[in-house]
Amino acid sequence: MAAPCIESFLEMLAAERAAAPATLAAYMRDLDDCETSLRGQGETLMEATTSGLREWVAGMSASGAARRTIARRISCIRQFFLFLLGEGLRSDNPASSLDAPPPDRTLPKFLTETEVMALLEAADPAAEADLALRRRLLMGRAALELLYATGLRISELLALKRDMFREGLRMLMVRGKGGRERLVPLSDSAREAVAALVHEDADRPSLWVFPGRTPLRPLTRQGFDKVLAFIGERAGIAADRLSPHVLRHSFATHMLAHGADLRTLQTLLGHADIATTQIYTHVQAERLRDIVSTHHPLGRGDAADE
């Protein structure tokens, strides 16, 4: 059972920051990990010292934990001790001087525009007579159209309700991380794909655009992954190159390639900080470098032979 101070901290995150259950569970795991390390040093979480916390960070690095994981755990601990300080449960903050490692500068994976079109074609249910397969394709088509047209996160997609899609809808209100709401444009093809799915599901009453096996609940992430993998196989795209987040990255990359500015992209993606959006400028830089290397006379390896 979590200590009262931890429970209060998690309650604060849920009430004041609208933290999702998955986020709260991750924070609980991070606090447990830190407490386990501190106990090995003869300390408790409530009475942790800066040196004890630094040993915990050093232990994570030595164990080969990813820098992103270490940075997230340190952020959690910093917030926890700030909470204790604010509540008068501690008079100091032993985590204030902890240094988080710089994040890995890995570029996001994305599909080419041709590959996205291949996915949409593979999800076309027009010629499918089998009713179960037809519905699966309709679900996949609607999800792909929405993900690629709006850049939604998978959690945002699966939370969509049918009554949000009224006739003639041009903008969709989405509730994202931290309970922040944003408007995203809805394409004609995405709206039509949703309408086709809802019409197909007319005999399965549900609140959700993407209902699960039990219509009272939305489709799970794992259930959607199976649909996406099935369509990816039909399109000839390897499973390790395909995920909802890859489609989100594809949306952002293609928008930027076609002239969208970073501020607009930040709004559409629901990023709180534009620094998160700027990763896509690196994607574009890599693409431009490849184009120059391939097409510029001095960039080609065989230029000297011409």
C-alpha atoms as a PDB file:
ATOM      1  CA  MET A   1       0.000   0.000   0.000  1.00  0.00           C
ATOM      2  CA  ALA A   2       1.305   3.443  -0.921  1.00  0.00           C
ATOM      3  CA  ALA A   3       2.281   5.814   1.888  1.00  0.00           C
ATOM      4  CA  PRO A   4      -0.258   8.579   2.616  1.00  0.00           C
ATOM      5  CA  CYS A   5       2.069  11.253   1.212  1.00  0.00           C
ATOM      6  CA  ILE A   6       2.384   9.330  -2.074  1.00  0.00           C
ATOM      7  CA  GLU A   7      -1.373   8.873  -2.281  1.00  0.00           C
ATOM      8  CA  SER A   8      -1.845  12.609  -1.684  1.00  0.00           C
ATOM      9  CA  PHE A   9       0.711  13.408  -4.383  1.00  0.00           C
ATOM     10  CA  LEU A  10      -1.057  11.184  -6.928  1.00  0.00           C
ATOM     11  CA  GLU A  11      -4.437  12.637  -5.948  1.00  0.00           C
ATOM     12  CA  MET A  12      -3.042  16.112  -6.595  1.00  0.00           C
ATOM     13  CA  LEU A  13      -1.817  15.074 -10.045  1.00  0.00           C
ATOM     14  CA  ALA A  14      -5.226  13.643 -10.898  1.00  0.00           C
ATOM     15  CA  ALA A  15      -7.225  16.593  -9.559  1.00  0.00           C
ATOM     16  CA  GLU A  16      -5.059  19.573 -10.552  1.00  0.00           C
ATOM     17  CA  ARG A  17      -3.317  18.296 -13.681  1.00  0.00           C
ATOM     18  CA  ALA A  18      -5.920  15.831 -14.965  1.00  0.00           C
ATOM     19  CA  ALA A  19      -3.267  13.088 -15.076  1.00  0.00           C
ATOM     20  CA  ALA A  20      -4.524   9.943 -16.802  1.00  0.00           C
ATOM     21  CA  PRO A  21      -4.617   6.589 -14.942  1.00  0.00           C
ATOM     22  CA  ALA A  22      -1.690   5.323 -17.042  1.00  0.00           C
ATOM     23  CA  THR A  23       0.342   8.406 -16.064  1.00  0.00           C
ATOM     24  CA  LEU A  24      -0.445   7.920 -12.378  1.00  0.00           C
ATOM     25  CA  ALA A  25       0.573   4.257 -12.624  1.00  0.00           C
ATOM     26  CA  ALA A  26       3.890   5.276 -14.230  1.00  0.00           C
ATOM     27  CA  TYR A  27       4.542   7.807 -11.436  1.00  0.00           C
ATOM     28  CA  MET A  28       3.789   5.125  -8.850  1.00  0.00           C
ATOM     29  CA  ARG A  29       6.328   2.789 -10.479  1.00  0.00           C
ATOM     30  CA  ASP A  30       8.942   5.567 -10.556  1.00  0.00           C
ATOM     31  CA  LEU A  31       8.432   6.326  -6.867  1.00  0.00           C
ATOM     32  CA  ASP A  32       8.652   2.604  -6.012  1.00  0.00           C
ATOM     33  CA  ASP A  33      11.900   2.304  -7.984  1.00  0.00           C
ATOM     34  CA  CYS A  34      13.429   5.239  -6.144  1.00  0.00           C
ATOM     35  CA  GLU A  35      12.276   3.966  -2.752  1.00  0.00           C
ATOM     36  CA  THR A  36      13.749   0.511  -3.423  1.00  0.00           C
ATOM     37  CA  SER A  37      17.136   2.075  -4.163  1.00  0.00           C
ATOM     38  CA  LEU A  38      16.989   4.301  -1.083  1.00  0.00           C
ATOM     39  CA  ARG A  39      16.148   1.398   1.201  1.00  0.00           C
ATOM     40  CA  GLY A  40      19.302  -0.337   0.001  1.00  0.00           C
ATOM     41  CA  GLN A  41      21.191   2.693   1.275  1.00  0.00           C
ATOM     42  CA  GLY A  42      19.407   2.779   4.625  1.00  0.00           C
ATOM     43  CA  GLU A  43      17.127   5.694   3.684  1.00  0.00           C
ATOM     44  CA  THR A  44      13.406   6.139   3.153  1.00  0.00           C
ATOM     45  CA  LEU A  45      11.665   8.129   0.460  1.00  0.00           C
ATOM     46  CA  MET A  46      10.331  10.675   2.955  1.00  0.00           C
ATOM     47  CA  GLU A  47      13.790  11.180   4.490  1.00  0.00           C
ATOM     48  CA  ALA A  48      15.854  10.913   1.294  1.00  0.00           C
ATOM     49  CA  THR A  49      19.096  12.849   1.010  1.00  0.00           C
ATOM     50  CA  THR A  50      20.597  14.362  -2.116  1.00  0.00           C
ATOM     51  CA  SER A  51      23.448  11.839  -2.005  1.00  0.00           C
ATOM     52  CA  GLY A  52      20.960   8.984  -1.747  1.00  0.00           C
ATOM     53  CA  LEU A  53      19.041  10.239  -4.767  1.00  0.00           C
ATOM     54  CA  ARG A  54      22.268  10.646  -6.736  1.00  0.00           C
ATOM     55  CA  GLU A  55      23.150   7.031  -5.966  1.00  0.00           C
ATOM     56  CA  TRP A  56      19.742   6.050  -7.317  1.00  0.00           C
ATOM     57  CA  VAL A  57      20.392   7.975 -10.551  1.00  0.00           C
ATOM     58  CA  ALA A  58      23.871   6.462 -10.851  1.00  0.00           C
ATOM     59  CA  GLY A  59      22.396   2.998 -10.372  1.00  0.00           C
ATOM     60  CA  MET A  60      19.917   3.560 -13.209  1.00  0.00           C
ATOM     61  CA  SER A  61      22.729   4.641 -15.527  1.00  0.00           C
ATOM     62  CA  ALA A  62      24.864   1.648 -14.553  1.00  0.00           C
ATOM     63  CA  SER A  63      21.974  -0.730 -15.237  1.00  0.00           C
ATOM     64  CA  GLY A  64      21.667   0.552 -18.795  1.00  0.00           C
ATOM     65  CA  ALA A  65      18.329   2.332 -18.387  1.00  0.00           C
ATOM     66  CA  ALA A  66      17.429   4.530 -21.352  1.00  0.00           C
ATOM     67  CA  ARG A  67      18.142   8.230 -20.932  1.00  0.00           C
ATOM     68  CA  ARG A  68      14.494   9.015 -21.590  1.00  0.00           C
ATOM     69  CA  THR A  69      13.478   6.673 -18.749  1.00  0.00           C
ATOM     70  CA  ILE A  70      16.016   8.210 -16.355  1.00  0.00           C
ATOM     71  CA  ALA A  71      14.884  11.737 -17.240  1.00  0.00           C
ATOM     72  CA  ARG A  72      11.219  10.815 -16.685  1.00  0.00           C
ATOM     73  CA  ARG A  73      11.932   9.246 -13.293  1.00  0.00           C
ATOM     74  CA  ILE A  74      13.973  12.247 -12.155  1.00  0.00           C
ATOM     75  CA  SER A  75      11.144  14.549 -13.237  1.00  0.00           C
ATOM     76  CA  CYS A  76       8.713  12.508 -11.151  1.00  0.00           C
ATOM     77  CA  ILE A  77      10.936  12.660  -8.066  1.00  0.00           C
ATOM     78  CA  ARG A  78      11.483  16.400  -8.457  1.00  0.00           C
ATOM     79  CA  GLN A  79       7.730  16.950  -8.579  1.00  0.00           C
ATOM     80  CA  PHE A  80       7.205  14.692  -5.576  1.00  0.00           C
ATOM     81  CA  PHE A  81       9.627  16.602  -3.357  1.00  0.00           C
ATOM     82  CA  LEU A  82       8.283  19.953  -4.555  1.00  0.00           C
ATOM     83  CA  PHE A  83       4.877  18.680  -3.446  1.00  0.00           C
ATOM     84  CA  LEU A  84       6.234  17.694  -0.017  1.00  0.00           C
ATOM     85  CA  LEU A  85       7.891  21.105   0.292  1.00  0.00           C
ATOM     86  CA  GLY A  86       4.690  22.912  -0.633  1.00  0.00           C
ATOM     87  CA  GLU A  87       2.654  20.846   1.819  1.00  0.00           C
ATOM     88  CA  GLY A  88       5.121  21.546   4.639  1.00  0.00           C
ATOM     89  CA  LEU A  89       6.062  17.871   4.891  1.00  0.00           C
ATOM     90  CA  ARG A  90       9.720  18.711   4.257  1.00  0.00           C
ATOM     91  CA  SER A  91      11.710  21.895   4.746  1.00  0.00           C
ATOM     92  CA  ASP A  92      14.094  21.209   1.868  1.00  0.00           C
ATOM     93  CA  ASN A  93      14.122  19.653  -1.616  1.00  0.00           C
ATOM     94  CA  PRO A  94      16.853  17.008  -1.953  1.00  0.00           C
ATOM     95  CA  ALA A  95      16.017  16.513  -5.655  1.00  0.00           C
ATOM     96  CA  SER A  96      16.562  20.141  -6.693  1.00  0.00           C
ATOM     97  CA  SER A  97      20.144  19.565  -7.841  1.00  0.00           C
ATOM     98  CA  LEU A  98      19.586  16.270  -9.682  1.00  0.00           C
ATOM     99  CA  ASP A  99      20.761  16.491 -13.285  1.00  0.00           C
ATOM    100  CA  ALA A 100      18.724  14.671 -15.897  1.00  0.00           C
ATOM    101  CA  PRO A 101      20.664  13.247 -18.862  1.00  0.00           C
ATOM    102  CA  PRO A 102      20.096  14.940 -22.216  1.00  0.00           C
ATOM    103  CA  PRO A 103      17.484  13.082 -24.274  1.00  0.00           C
ATOM    104  CA  ASP A 104      18.515  10.780 -27.097  1.00  0.00           C
ATOM    105  CA  ARG A 105      18.390  12.667 -30.371  1.00  0.00           C
ATOM    106  CA  THR A 106      16.667   9.932 -32.303  1.00  0.00           C
ATOM    107  CA  LEU A 107      14.608  11.032 -35.266  1.00  0.00           C
ATOM    108  CA  PRO A 108      10.993   9.863 -35.346  1.00  0.00           C
ATOM    109  CA  LYS A 109      10.097   7.119 -37.780  1.00  0.00           C
ATOM    110  CA  PHE A 110       7.591   8.008 -40.458  1.00  0.00           C
ATOM    111  CA  LEU A 111       6.091   6.591 -43.647  1.00  0.00           C
ATOM    112  CA  THR A 112       6.399   8.052 -47.108  1.00  0.00           C
ATOM    113  CA  GLU A 113       3.296   9.571 -48.675  1.00  0.00           C
ATOM    114  CA  THR A 114       3.206   6.623 -51.090  1.00  0.00           C
ATOM    115  CA  GLU A 115       3.182   4.172 -48.175  1.00  0.00           C
ATOM    116  CA  VAL A 116       0.323   6.016 -46.467  1.00  0.00           C
ATOM    117  CA  MET A 117      -1.696   5.859 -49.686  1.00  0.00           C
ATOM    118  CA  ALA A 118      -0.924   2.128 -49.893  1.00  0.00           C
ATOM    119  CA  LEU A 119      -2.295   1.660 -46.364  1.00  0.00           C
ATOM    120  CA  LEU A 120      -5.516   3.480 -47.233  1.00  0.00           C
ATOM    121  CA  GLU A 121      -5.940   1.404 -50.385  1.00  0.00           C
ATOM    122  CA  ALA A 122      -5.329  -1.792 -48.393  1.00  0.00           C
ATOM    123  CA  ALA A 123      -8.158  -0.758 -46.039  1.00  0.00           C
ATOM    124  CA  ASP A 124     -10.664  -0.238 -48.847  1.00  0.00           C
ATOM    125  CA  PRO A 125     -13.718  -2.420 -48.026  1.00  0.00           C
ATOM    126  CA  ALA A 126     -15.532  -1.820 -51.332  1.00  0.00           C
ATOM    127  CA  ALA A 127     -14.920  -5.256 -52.862  1.00  0.00           C
ATOM    128  CA  GLU A 128     -15.145  -7.264 -49.633  1.00  0.00           C
ATOM    129  CA  ALA A 129     -18.156  -9.598 -49.296  1.00  0.00           C
ATOM    130  CA  ASP A 130     -17.268 -11.172 -45.932  1.00  0.00           C
ATOM    131  CA  LEU A 131     -19.115  -9.076 -43.338  1.00  0.00           C
ATOM    132  CA  ALA A 132     -16.592  -9.515 -40.501  1.00  0.00           C
ATOM    133  CA  LEU A 133     -13.661  -8.638 -42.745  1.00  0.00           C
ATOM    134  CA  ARG A 134     -15.586  -5.726 -44.238  1.00  0.00           C
ATOM    135  CA  ARG A 135     -16.194  -4.251 -40.781  1.00  0.00           C
ATOM    136  CA  ARG A 136     -12.532  -4.709 -39.856  1.00  0.00           C
ATOM    137  CA  LEU A 137     -11.482  -2.839 -42.969  1.00  0.00           C
ATOM    138  CA  LEU A 138     -14.045  -0.096 -42.338  1.00  0.00           C
ATOM    139  CA  MET A 139     -12.658   0.333 -38.827  1.00  0.00           C
ATOM    140  CA  GLY A 140      -9.099   0.420 -40.121  1.00  0.00           C
ATOM    141  CA  ARG A 141      -9.980   2.868 -42.886  1.00  0.00           C
ATOM    142  CA  ALA A 142     -11.729   5.270 -40.490  1.00  0.00           C
ATOM    143  CA  ALA A 143      -8.840   5.119 -38.016  1.00  0.00           C
ATOM    144  CA  LEU A 144      -6.196   5.653 -40.700  1.00  0.00           C
ATOM    145  CA  GLU A 145      -8.087   8.568 -42.227  1.00  0.00           C
ATOM    146  CA  LEU A 146      -8.418  10.223 -38.821  1.00  0.00           C
ATOM    147  CA  LEU A 147      -4.856   9.581 -37.672  1.00  0.00           C
ATOM    148  CA  TYR A 148      -3.302  10.806 -40.887  1.00  0.00           C
ATOM    149  CA  ALA A 149      -5.673  13.752 -41.373  1.00  0.00           C
ATOM    150  CA  THR A 150      -5.438  15.085 -37.817  1.00  0.00           C
ATOM    151  CA  GLY A 151      -2.267  13.737 -36.160  1.00  0.00           C
ATOM    152  CA  LEU A 152      -4.267  12.406 -33.199  1.00  0.00           C
ATOM    153  CA  ARG A 153      -2.621  10.344 -30.495  1.00  0.00           C
ATOM    154  CA  ILE A 154      -3.959   6.786 -30.259  1.00  0.00           C
ATOM    155  CA  SER A 155      -5.505   7.553 -26.851  1.00  0.00           C
ATOM    156  CA  GLU A 156      -7.318  10.530 -28.376  1.00  0.00           C
ATOM    157  CA  LEU A 157      -8.522   8.457 -31.316  1.00  0.00           C
ATOM    158  CA  LEU A 158      -9.975   5.636 -29.217  1.00  0.00           C
ATOM    159  CA  ALA A 159     -11.726   8.146 -26.922  1.00  0.00           C
ATOM    160  CA  LEU A 160     -13.767   9.644 -29.795  1.00  0.00           C
ATOM    161  CA  LYS A 161     -17.539   9.370 -29.368  1.00  0.00           C
ATOM    162  CA  ARG A 162     -20.099   9.040 -32.124  1.00  0.00           C
ATOM    163  CA  ASP A 163     -22.063  12.117 -31.101  1.00  0.00           C
ATOM    164  CA  MET A 164     -18.991  14.266 -31.783  1.00  0.00           C
ATOM    165  CA  PHE A 165     -19.425  13.646 -35.526  1.00  0.00           C
ATOM    166  CA  ARG A 166     -22.474  15.607 -36.592  1.00  0.00           C
ATOM    167  CA  GLU A 167     -23.322  16.163 -40.254  1.00  0.00           C
ATOM    168  CA  GLY A 168     -21.199  18.802 -41.952  1.00  0.00           C
ATOM    169  CA  LEU A 169     -18.627  18.847 -39.126  1.00  0.00           C
ATOM    170  CA  ARG A 170     -15.448  20.646 -40.193  1.00  0.00           C
ATOM    171  CA  MET A 171     -13.553  20.927 -36.909  1.00  0.00           C
ATOM    172  CA  LEU A 172     -13.162  18.268 -34.234  1.00  0.00           C
ATOM    173  CA  MET A 173     -12.709  19.111 -30.539  1.00  0.00           C
ATOM    174  CA  VAL A 174     -10.102  16.814 -29.000  1.00  0.00           C
ATOM    175  CA  ARG A 175      -9.115  16.471 -25.351  1.00  0.00           C
ATOM    176  CA  GLY A 176      -5.418  15.679 -25.142  1.00  0.00           C
ATOM    177  CA  LYS A 177      -2.726  15.341 -22.494  1.00  0.00           C
ATOM    178  CA  GLY A 178      -3.348  17.158 -19.241  1.00  0.00           C
ATOM    179  CA  GLY A 179      -6.981  17.660 -20.214  1.00  0.00           C
ATOM    180  CA  ARG A 180      -6.003  20.335 -22.748  1.00  0.00           C
ATOM    181  CA  GLU A 181      -8.536  20.786 -25.529  1.00  0.00           C
ATOM    182  CA  ARG A 182      -7.761  21.704 -29.125  1.00  0.00           C
ATOM    183  CA  LEU A 183      -9.584  22.012 -32.419  1.00  0.00           C
ATOM    184  CA  VAL A 184      -8.317  20.017 -35.390  1.00  0.00           C
ATOM    185  CA  PRO A 185      -9.636  20.248 -38.969  1.00  0.00           C
ATOM    186  CA  LEU A 186     -11.564  17.213 -40.187  1.00  0.00           C
ATOM    187  CA  SER A 187     -11.161  16.194 -43.830  1.00  0.00           C
ATOM    188  CA  ASP A 188     -14.104  15.109 -45.977  1.00  0.00           C
ATOM    189  CA  SER A 189     -12.615  11.649 -46.467  1.00  0.00           C
ATOM    190  CA  ALA A 190     -12.117  11.164 -42.713  1.00  0.00           C
ATOM    191  CA  ARG A 191     -15.680  12.243 -41.970  1.00  0.00           C
ATOM    192  CA  GLU A 192     -17.037   9.919 -44.677  1.00  0.00           C
ATOM    193  CA  ALA A 193     -14.974   6.998 -43.385  1.00  0.00           C
ATOM    194  CA  VAL A 194     -16.338   7.502 -39.857  1.00  0.00           C
ATOM    195  CA  ALA A 195     -19.904   7.749 -41.199  1.00  0.00           C
ATOM    196  CA  ALA A 196     -19.450   4.472 -43.112  1.00  0.00           C
ATOM    197  CA  LEU A 197     -18.185   2.693 -39.991  1.00  0.00           C
ATOM    198  CA  VAL A 198     -21.000   4.023 -37.793  1.00  0.00           C
ATOM    199  CA  HIS A 199     -23.560   3.011 -40.426  1.00  0.00           C
ATOM    200  CA  GLU A 200     -22.083  -0.497 -40.547  1.00  0.00           C
ATOM    201  CA  ASP A 201     -22.306  -0.658 -36.741  1.00  0.00           C
ATOM    202  CA  ALA A 202     -25.926   0.528 -36.618  1.00  0.00           C
ATOM    203  CA  ASP A 203     -27.007  -2.778 -35.073  1.00  0.00           C
ATOM    204  CA  ARG A 204     -24.297  -2.490 -32.359  1.00  0.00           C
ATOM    205  CA  PRO A 205     -25.335   0.556 -30.277  1.00  0.00           C
ATOM    206  CA  SER A 206     -22.325   2.216 -28.677  1.00  0.00           C
ATOM    207  CA  LEU A 207     -21.103   5.611 -27.503  1.00  0.00           C
ATOM    208  CA  TRP A 208     -17.775   5.059 -29.214  1.00  0.00           C
ATOM    209  CA  VAL A 209     -16.663   5.492 -32.815  1.00  0.00           C
ATOM    210  CA  PHE A 210     -14.378   2.501 -32.288  1.00  0.00           C
ATOM    211  CA  PRO A 211     -16.212   0.125 -29.930  1.00  0.00           C
ATOM    212  CA  GLY A 212     -14.505  -2.913 -28.484  1.00  0.00           C
ATOM    213  CA  ARG A 213     -15.825  -6.449 -28.317  1.00  0.00           C
ATOM    214  CA  THR A 214     -18.189  -5.133 -25.676  1.00  0.00           C
ATOM    215  CA  PRO A 215     -19.855  -2.086 -27.283  1.00  0.00           C
ATOM    216  CA  LEU A 216     -20.110  -0.409 -23.877  1.00  0.00           C
ATOM    217  CA  ARG A 217     -16.332   0.097 -23.927  1.00  0.00           C
ATOM    218  CA  PRO A 218     -14.007   1.571 -26.557  1.00  0.00           C
ATOM    219  CA  LEU A 219     -11.567  -0.556 -28.507  1.00  0.00           C
ATOM    220  CA  THR A 220      -8.343  -1.210 -26.585  1.00  0.00           C
ATOM    221  CA  ARG A 221      -4.916  -0.172 -27.801  1.00  0.00           C
ATOM    222  CA  GLN A 222      -4.008  -3.835 -28.217  1.00  0.00           C
ATOM    223  CA  GLY A 223      -7.148  -4.442 -30.277  1.00  0.00           C
ATOM    224  CA  PHE A 224      -6.321  -1.538 -32.547  1.00  0.00           C
ATOM    225  CA  ASP A 225      -2.729  -2.738 -32.981  1.00  0.00           C
ATOM    226  CA  LYS A 226      -4.081  -5.996 -34.412  1.00  0.00           C
ATOM    227  CA  VAL A 227      -6.251  -4.129 -36.935  1.00  0.00           C
ATOM    228  CA  LEU A 228      -3.330  -1.911 -37.954  1.00  0.00           C
ATOM    229  CA  ALA A 229      -0.945  -4.870 -38.322  1.00  0.00           C
ATOM    230  CA  PHE A 230      -3.510  -6.671 -40.484  1.00  0.00           C
ATOM    231  CA  ILE A 231      -3.841  -3.699 -42.855  1.00  0.00           C
ATOM    232  CA  GLY A 232      -0.082  -3.137 -42.864  1.00  0.00           C
ATOM    233  CA  GLU A 233       0.430  -6.735 -43.987  1.00  0.00           C
ATOM    234  CA  ARG A 234      -2.064  -6.219 -46.822  1.00  0.00           C
ATOM    235  CA  ALA A 235      -0.163  -3.078 -47.840  1.00  0.00           C
ATOM    236  CA  GLY A 236       3.240  -4.783 -47.687  1.00  0.00           C
ATOM    237  CA  ILE A 237       4.550  -2.611 -44.837  1.00  0.00           C
ATOM    238  CA  ALA A 238       6.619  -4.384 -42.181  1.00  0.00           C
ATOM    239  CA  ALA A 239       5.080  -4.477 -38.705  1.00  0.00           C
ATOM    240  CA  ASP A 240       8.172  -2.919 -37.092  1.00  0.00           C
ATOM    241  CA  ARG A 241       7.690   0.194 -39.248  1.00  0.00           C
ATOM    242  CA  LEU A 242       4.048   0.702 -38.393  1.00  0.00           C
ATOM    243  CA  SER A 243       2.327   2.052 -35.281  1.00  0.00           C
ATOM    244  CA  PRO A 244      -0.175   4.785 -34.389  1.00  0.00           C
ATOM    245  CA  HIS A 245       2.719   7.040 -33.396  1.00  0.00           C
ATOM    246  CA  VAL A 246       4.429   6.451 -36.743  1.00  0.00           C
ATOM    247  CA  LEU A 247       1.235   7.704 -38.419  1.00  0.00           C
ATOM    248  CA  ARG A 248       1.271  10.772 -36.153  1.00  0.00           C
ATOM    249  CA  HIS A 249       4.898  11.405 -37.124  1.00  0.00           C
ATOM    250  CA  SER A 250       3.991  10.897 -40.787  1.00  0.00           C
ATOM    251  CA  PHE A 251       1.227  13.502 -40.501  1.00  0.00           C
ATOM    252  CA  ALA A 252       3.618  16.035 -38.964  1.00  0.00           C
ATOM    253  CA  THR A 253       6.477  15.331 -41.377  1.00  0.00           C
ATOM    254  CA  HIS A 254       4.291  15.560 -44.466  1.00  0.00           C
ATOM    255  CA  MET A 255       2.578  18.737 -43.205  1.00  0.00           C
ATOM    256  CA  LEU A 256       5.957  20.398 -42.721  1.00  0.00           C
ATOM    257  CA  ALA A 257       7.148  19.192 -46.136  1.00  0.00           C
ATOM    258  CA  HIS A 258       4.101  20.823 -47.730  1.00  0.00           C
ATOM    259  CA  GLY A 259       4.680  24.217 -46.133  1.00  0.00           C
ATOM    260  CA  ALA A 260       3.065  24.143 -42.667  1.00  0.00           C
ATOM    261  CA  ASP A 261       4.844  26.285 -40.065  1.00  0.00           C
ATOM    262  CA  LEU A 262       5.964  24.986 -36.676  1.00  0.00           C
ATOM    263  CA  ARG A 263       3.440  27.002 -34.646  1.00  0.00           C
ATOM    264  CA  THR A 264       0.541  25.606 -36.650  1.00  0.00           C
ATOM    265  CA  LEU A 265       1.959  22.112 -36.312  1.00  0.00           C
ATOM    266  CA  GLN A 266       2.367  22.593 -32.560  1.00  0.00           C
ATOM    267  CA  THR A 267      -1.317  23.527 -32.274  1.00  0.00           C
ATOM    268  CA  LEU A 268      -2.495  20.609 -34.399  1.00  0.00           C
ATOM    269  CA  LEU A 269      -0.400  18.068 -32.478  1.00  0.00           C
ATOM    270  CA  GLY A 270      -1.321  19.465 -29.072  1.00  0.00           C
ATOM    271  CA  HIS A 271       2.277  19.972 -27.943  1.00  0.00           C
ATOM    272  CA  ALA A 272       2.576  22.128 -24.813  1.00  0.00           C
ATOM    273  CA  ASP A 273       6.101  23.190 -25.783  1.00  0.00           C
ATOM    274  CA  ILE A 274       7.228  24.038 -29.316  1.00  0.00           C
ATOM    275  CA  ALA A 275      10.576  22.412 -28.531  1.00  0.00           C
ATOM    276  CA  THR A 276       8.766  19.072 -28.854  1.00  0.00           C
ATOM    277  CA  THR A 277       7.554  20.043 -32.320  1.00  0.00           C
ATOM    278  CA  GLN A 278      11.003  21.129 -33.460  1.00  0.00           C
ATOM    279  CA  ILE A 279      12.145  17.513 -33.787  1.00  0.00           C
ATOM    280  CA  TYR A 280      10.450  17.545 -37.184  1.00  0.00           C
ATOM    281  CA  THR A 281      12.838  20.220 -38.447  1.00  0.00           C
ATOM    282  CA  HIS A 282      15.606  17.660 -37.953  1.00  0.00           C
ATOM    283  CA  VAL A 283      13.606  15.182 -40.024  1.00  0.00           C
ATOM    284  CA  GLN A 284      13.355  17.757 -42.795  1.00  0.00           C
ATOM    285  CA  ALA A 285      17.075  18.537 -42.530  1.00  0.00           C
ATOM    286  CA  GLU A 286      17.919  14.858 -42.977  1.00  0.00           C
ATOM    287  CA  ARG A 287      15.593  14.683 -45.983  1.00  0.00           C
ATOM    288  CA  LEU A 288      17.141  17.760 -47.595  1.00  0.00           C
ATOM    289  CA  ARG A 289      20.628  16.384 -46.992  1.00  0.00           C
ATOM    290  CA  ASP A 290      19.684  13.150 -48.746  1.00  0.00           C
ATOM    291  CA  ILE A 291      18.214  15.061 -51.693  1.00  0.00           C
ATOM    292  CA  VAL A 292      21.363  17.162 -52.110  1.00  0.00           C
ATOM    293  CA  SER A 293      23.571  14.103 -51.749  1.00  0.00           C
ATOM    294  CA  THR A 294      21.569  12.287 -54.431  1.00  0.00           C
ATOM    295  CA  HIS A 295      20.954  15.057 -56.947  1.00  0.00           C
ATOM    296  CA  HIS A 296      23.656  17.726 -56.602  1.00  0.00           C
ATOM    297  CA  PRO A 297      26.677  17.219 -58.956  1.00  0.00           C
ATOM    298  CA  LEU A 298      29.156  17.709 -56.110  1.00  0.00           C
ATOM    299  CA  GLY A 299      27.135  15.524 -53.752  1.00  0.00           C
ATOM    300  CA  ARG A 300      27.256  12.378 -55.840  1.00  0.00           C
ATOM    301  CA  GLY A 301      30.074   9.951 -55.378  1.00  0.00           C
ATOM    302  CA  ASP A 302      30.423   9.471 -59.142  1.00  0.00           C
ATOM    303  CA  ALA A 303      30.701  13.214 -59.915  1.00  0.00           C
ATOM    304  CA  ALA A 304      34.436  12.929 -60.658  1.00  0.00           C
ATOM    305  CA  ASP A 305      33.795  10.307 -63.323  1.00  0.00           C
ATOM    306  CA  GLU A 306      31.323  12.389 -65.320  1.00  0.00           C
END
